Amino acid sequence: MTLEQKDIELIERLIYKNNDDVAVSIARSFERLEERIDAAESRLYSRFSDLEDKTEACRQDISDNIGTLHDELRELSRGDEEGE
């Protein structure tokens, strides 16, 4: 049994149609992947921002504690000088 020209053309149309479907499917997959990457990037930037805020708050607390310690040492030093 041989294939007729119309059979070959039908097969070609099916192949081309499936190629288009595959291309559309791949394109949609890339779009979803890009959306997921964008969402992940956004979450990372948000977490980095939170981390920067916490780091700055800790830096400020440490600076305040150092200032308080410095003042206390200065007072102790004055007390020692007056006691002599």
N, C-alpha and C. Protein backbone atom coordinates (compact mmCIF):
# COMPACT_ATOMS: atom_id res chain seq x y z
N MET A 1 0.84 -1.17 0.00
CA MET A 1 0.00 0.00 0.00
C MET A 1 0.89 1.24 0.00
N THR A 2 0.68 2.10 -0.93
CA THR A 2 1.48 3.31 -1.05
C THR A 2 0.69 4.51 -0.53
N LEU A 3 1.46 5.51 -0.12
CA LEU A 3 0.83 6.75 0.33
C LEU A 3 0.54 7.64 -0.86
N GLU A 4 -0.63 8.20 -0.83
CA GLU A 4 -0.99 9.15 -1.88
C GLU A 4 -0.55 10.54 -1.45
N GLN A 5 -0.53 11.43 -2.40
CA GLN A 5 -0.10 12.80 -2.13
C GLN A 5 -0.96 13.45 -1.05
N LYS A 6 -2.27 13.22 -1.09
CA LYS A 6 -3.15 13.84 -0.08
C LYS A 6 -2.85 13.28 1.32
N ASP A 7 -2.45 12.02 1.42
CA ASP A 7 -2.06 11.44 2.70
C ASP A 7 -0.79 12.10 3.22
N ILE A 8 0.16 12.29 2.33
CA ILE A 8 1.42 12.94 2.71
C ILE A 8 1.16 14.38 3.16
N GLU A 9 0.28 15.09 2.47
CA GLU A 9 -0.05 16.46 2.85
C GLU A 9 -0.76 16.51 4.20
N LEU A 10 -1.62 15.55 4.46
CA LEU A 10 -2.29 15.47 5.75
C LEU A 10 -1.28 15.23 6.87
N ILE A 11 -0.35 14.34 6.64
CA ILE A 11 0.71 14.07 7.63
C ILE A 11 1.54 15.33 7.85
N GLU A 12 1.88 16.03 6.78
CA GLU A 12 2.65 17.26 6.90
C GLU A 12 1.90 18.30 7.73
N ARG A 13 0.60 18.44 7.49
CA ARG A 13 -0.21 19.40 8.25
C ARG A 13 -0.23 19.03 9.73
N LEU A 14 -0.37 17.74 10.03
CA LEU A 14 -0.36 17.30 11.42
C LEU A 14 0.98 17.60 12.09
N ILE A 15 2.06 17.35 11.36
CA ILE A 15 3.38 17.63 11.91
C ILE A 15 3.55 19.13 12.17
N TYR A 16 3.16 19.96 11.20
CA TYR A 16 3.29 21.41 11.37
C TYR A 16 2.41 21.89 12.52
N LYS A 17 1.18 21.36 12.61
CA LYS A 17 0.29 21.76 13.69
C LYS A 17 0.89 21.38 15.04
N ASN A 18 1.41 20.17 15.15
CA ASN A 18 2.02 19.75 16.40
C ASN A 18 3.26 20.56 16.72
N ASN A 19 4.03 20.93 15.71
CA ASN A 19 5.19 21.78 15.95
C ASN A 19 4.76 23.11 16.54
N ASP A 20 3.70 23.69 16.02
CA ASP A 20 3.19 24.95 16.56
C ASP A 20 2.74 24.77 18.00
N ASP A 21 2.04 23.66 18.28
CA ASP A 21 1.59 23.39 19.65
C ASP A 21 2.77 23.24 20.60
N VAL A 22 3.79 22.54 20.14
CA VAL A 22 4.98 22.35 20.96
C VAL A 22 5.67 23.70 21.19
N ALA A 23 5.77 24.50 20.15
CA ALA A 23 6.41 25.82 20.28
C ALA A 23 5.64 26.69 21.26
N VAL A 24 4.31 26.67 21.16
CA VAL A 24 3.48 27.46 22.08
C VAL A 24 3.66 26.94 23.51
N SER A 25 3.68 25.64 23.67
CA SER A 25 3.87 25.04 25.00
C SER A 25 5.21 25.44 25.59
N ILE A 26 6.25 25.39 24.78
CA ILE A 26 7.59 25.79 25.25
C ILE A 26 7.59 27.27 25.62
N ALA A 27 6.99 28.09 24.78
CA ALA A 27 6.93 29.53 25.05
C ALA A 27 6.21 29.80 26.37
N ARG A 28 5.09 29.12 26.59
CA ARG A 28 4.35 29.30 27.85
C ARG A 28 5.17 28.82 29.04
N SER A 29 5.89 27.74 28.86
CA SER A 29 6.74 27.25 29.95
C SER A 29 7.81 28.28 30.29
N PHE A 30 8.41 28.89 29.28
CA PHE A 30 9.40 29.93 29.54
C PHE A 30 8.78 31.14 30.23
N GLU A 31 7.56 31.49 29.83
CA GLU A 31 6.87 32.61 30.48
C GLU A 31 6.62 32.31 31.96
N ARG A 32 6.16 31.09 32.25
CA ARG A 32 5.93 30.71 33.65
C ARG A 32 7.25 30.70 34.43
N LEU A 33 8.29 30.19 33.80
CA LEU A 33 9.59 30.17 34.44
C LEU A 33 10.07 31.59 34.74
N GLU A 34 9.89 32.49 33.78
CA GLU A 34 10.28 33.88 33.99
C GLU A 34 9.49 34.52 35.13
N GLU A 35 8.19 34.22 35.19
CA GLU A 35 7.36 34.74 36.28
C GLU A 35 7.84 34.22 37.63
N ARG A 36 8.18 32.94 37.67
CA ARG A 36 8.68 32.36 38.92
C ARG A 36 10.02 32.97 39.32
N ILE A 37 10.88 33.17 38.34
CA ILE A 37 12.18 33.79 38.63
C ILE A 37 11.98 35.22 39.14
N ASP A 38 11.07 35.96 38.51
CA ASP A 38 10.79 37.32 38.96
C ASP A 38 10.25 37.33 40.38
N ALA A 39 9.35 36.40 40.68
CA ALA A 39 8.79 36.32 42.03
C ALA A 39 9.87 35.97 43.05
N ALA A 40 10.73 35.02 42.69
CA ALA A 40 11.82 34.63 43.59
C ALA A 40 12.78 35.80 43.80
N GLU A 41 13.08 36.51 42.74
CA GLU A 41 13.96 37.67 42.83
C GLU A 41 13.35 38.73 43.74
N SER A 42 12.07 38.95 43.61
CA SER A 42 11.37 39.92 44.45
C SER A 42 11.44 39.51 45.91
N ARG A 43 11.22 38.22 46.19
CA ARG A 43 11.31 37.73 47.57
C ARG A 43 12.72 37.90 48.11
N LEU A 44 13.72 37.62 47.28
CA LEU A 44 15.11 37.79 47.72
C LEU A 44 15.41 39.25 48.07
N TYR A 45 14.99 40.17 47.20
CA TYR A 45 15.22 41.59 47.48
C TYR A 45 14.51 42.02 48.75
N SER A 46 13.31 41.49 48.97
CA SER A 46 12.57 41.82 50.19
C SER A 46 13.32 41.30 51.41
N ARG A 47 13.82 40.08 51.32
CA ARG A 47 14.56 39.51 52.45
C ARG A 47 15.88 40.24 52.68
N PHE A 48 16.54 40.64 51.59
CA PHE A 48 17.77 41.42 51.73
C PHE A 48 17.48 42.75 52.42
N SER A 49 16.37 43.37 52.05
CA SER A 49 15.99 44.64 52.66
C SER A 49 15.73 44.46 54.15
N ASP A 50 15.01 43.39 54.50
CA ASP A 50 14.76 43.10 55.92
C ASP A 50 16.08 42.87 56.65
N LEU A 51 16.97 42.14 56.03
CA LEU A 51 18.28 41.86 56.63
C LEU A 51 19.08 43.14 56.82
N GLU A 52 19.04 44.03 55.83
CA GLU A 52 19.74 45.31 55.96
C GLU A 52 19.16 46.13 57.11
N ASP A 53 17.83 46.13 57.24
CA ASP A 53 17.18 46.86 58.34
C ASP A 53 17.62 46.30 59.69
N LYS A 54 17.62 44.96 59.81
CA LYS A 54 18.03 44.33 61.07
C LYS A 54 19.50 44.59 61.36
N THR A 55 20.32 44.55 60.31
CA THR A 55 21.75 44.82 60.49
C THR A 55 21.97 46.25 60.97
N GLU A 56 21.24 47.18 60.38
CA GLU A 56 21.38 48.58 60.78
C GLU A 56 20.91 48.78 62.22
N ALA A 57 19.81 48.11 62.60
CA ALA A 57 19.32 48.21 63.98
C ALA A 57 20.34 47.64 64.95
N CYS A 58 20.95 46.51 64.60
CA CYS A 58 21.99 45.92 65.45
C CYS A 58 23.21 46.83 65.54
N ARG A 59 23.57 47.41 64.41
CA ARG A 59 24.72 48.33 64.38
C ARG A 59 24.46 49.52 65.31
N GLN A 60 23.22 50.02 65.27
CA GLN A 60 22.86 51.16 66.11
C GLN A 60 22.88 50.75 67.59
N ASP A 61 22.35 49.56 67.90
CA ASP A 61 22.38 49.07 69.28
C ASP A 61 23.81 48.92 69.78
N ILE A 62 24.66 48.36 68.96
CA ILE A 62 26.07 48.19 69.34
C ILE A 62 26.72 49.54 69.56
N SER A 63 26.45 50.47 68.67
CA SER A 63 27.02 51.82 68.80
C SER A 63 26.54 52.47 70.10
N ASP A 64 25.24 52.33 70.39
CA ASP A 64 24.71 52.89 71.64
C ASP A 64 25.37 52.24 72.85
N ASN A 65 25.51 50.92 72.82
CA ASN A 65 26.15 50.22 73.94
C ASN A 65 27.60 50.63 74.12
N ILE A 66 28.30 50.81 73.02
CA ILE A 66 29.70 51.26 73.11
C ILE A 66 29.76 52.67 73.70
N GLY A 67 28.84 53.53 73.26
CA GLY A 67 28.79 54.89 73.81
C GLY A 67 28.50 54.87 75.30
N THR A 68 27.55 54.03 75.73
CA THR A 68 27.23 53.92 77.15
C THR A 68 28.43 53.38 77.93
N LEU A 69 29.07 52.36 77.40
CA LEU A 69 30.25 51.78 78.04
C LEU A 69 31.36 52.82 78.14
N HIS A 70 31.53 53.60 77.09
CA HIS A 70 32.56 54.64 77.08
C HIS A 70 32.26 55.67 78.18
N ASP A 71 30.98 56.07 78.29
CA ASP A 71 30.60 57.04 79.33
C ASP A 71 30.83 56.46 80.72
N GLU A 72 30.48 55.19 80.92
CA GLU A 72 30.68 54.56 82.22
C GLU A 72 32.16 54.47 82.56
N LEU A 73 32.98 54.13 81.58
CA LEU A 73 34.42 54.06 81.83
C LEU A 73 34.99 55.44 82.16
N ARG A 74 34.48 56.45 81.49
CA ARG A 74 34.93 57.81 81.76
C ARG A 74 34.57 58.20 83.19
N GLU A 75 33.34 57.85 83.63
CA GLU A 75 32.93 58.17 85.00
C GLU A 75 33.76 57.40 86.00
N LEU A 76 34.04 56.13 85.71
CA LEU A 76 34.89 55.36 86.62
C LEU A 76 36.29 55.95 86.70
N SER A 77 36.78 56.39 85.55
CA SER A 77 38.12 56.98 85.51
C SER A 77 38.15 58.25 86.33
N ARG A 78 37.09 59.07 86.25
CA ARG A 78 37.03 60.31 87.04
C ARG A 78 36.94 59.98 88.52
N GLY A 79 36.17 58.93 88.84
CA GLY A 79 36.03 58.54 90.25
C GLY A 79 37.36 58.08 90.82
N ASP A 80 38.13 57.36 90.02
CA ASP A 80 39.44 56.91 90.48
C ASP A 80 40.38 58.11 90.68
N GLU A 81 40.28 59.09 89.78
CA GLU A 81 41.15 60.27 89.88
C GLU A 81 40.78 61.08 91.11
N GLU A 82 39.48 61.19 91.44
CA GLU A 82 39.05 61.96 92.60
C GLU A 82 39.39 61.21 93.90
N GLY A 83 39.40 59.92 93.86
CA GLY A 83 39.67 59.13 95.06
C GLY A 83 41.14 59.10 95.43
N GLU A 84 41.97 59.44 94.54
CA GLU A 84 43.42 59.38 94.83
C GLU A 84 43.86 60.50 95.69
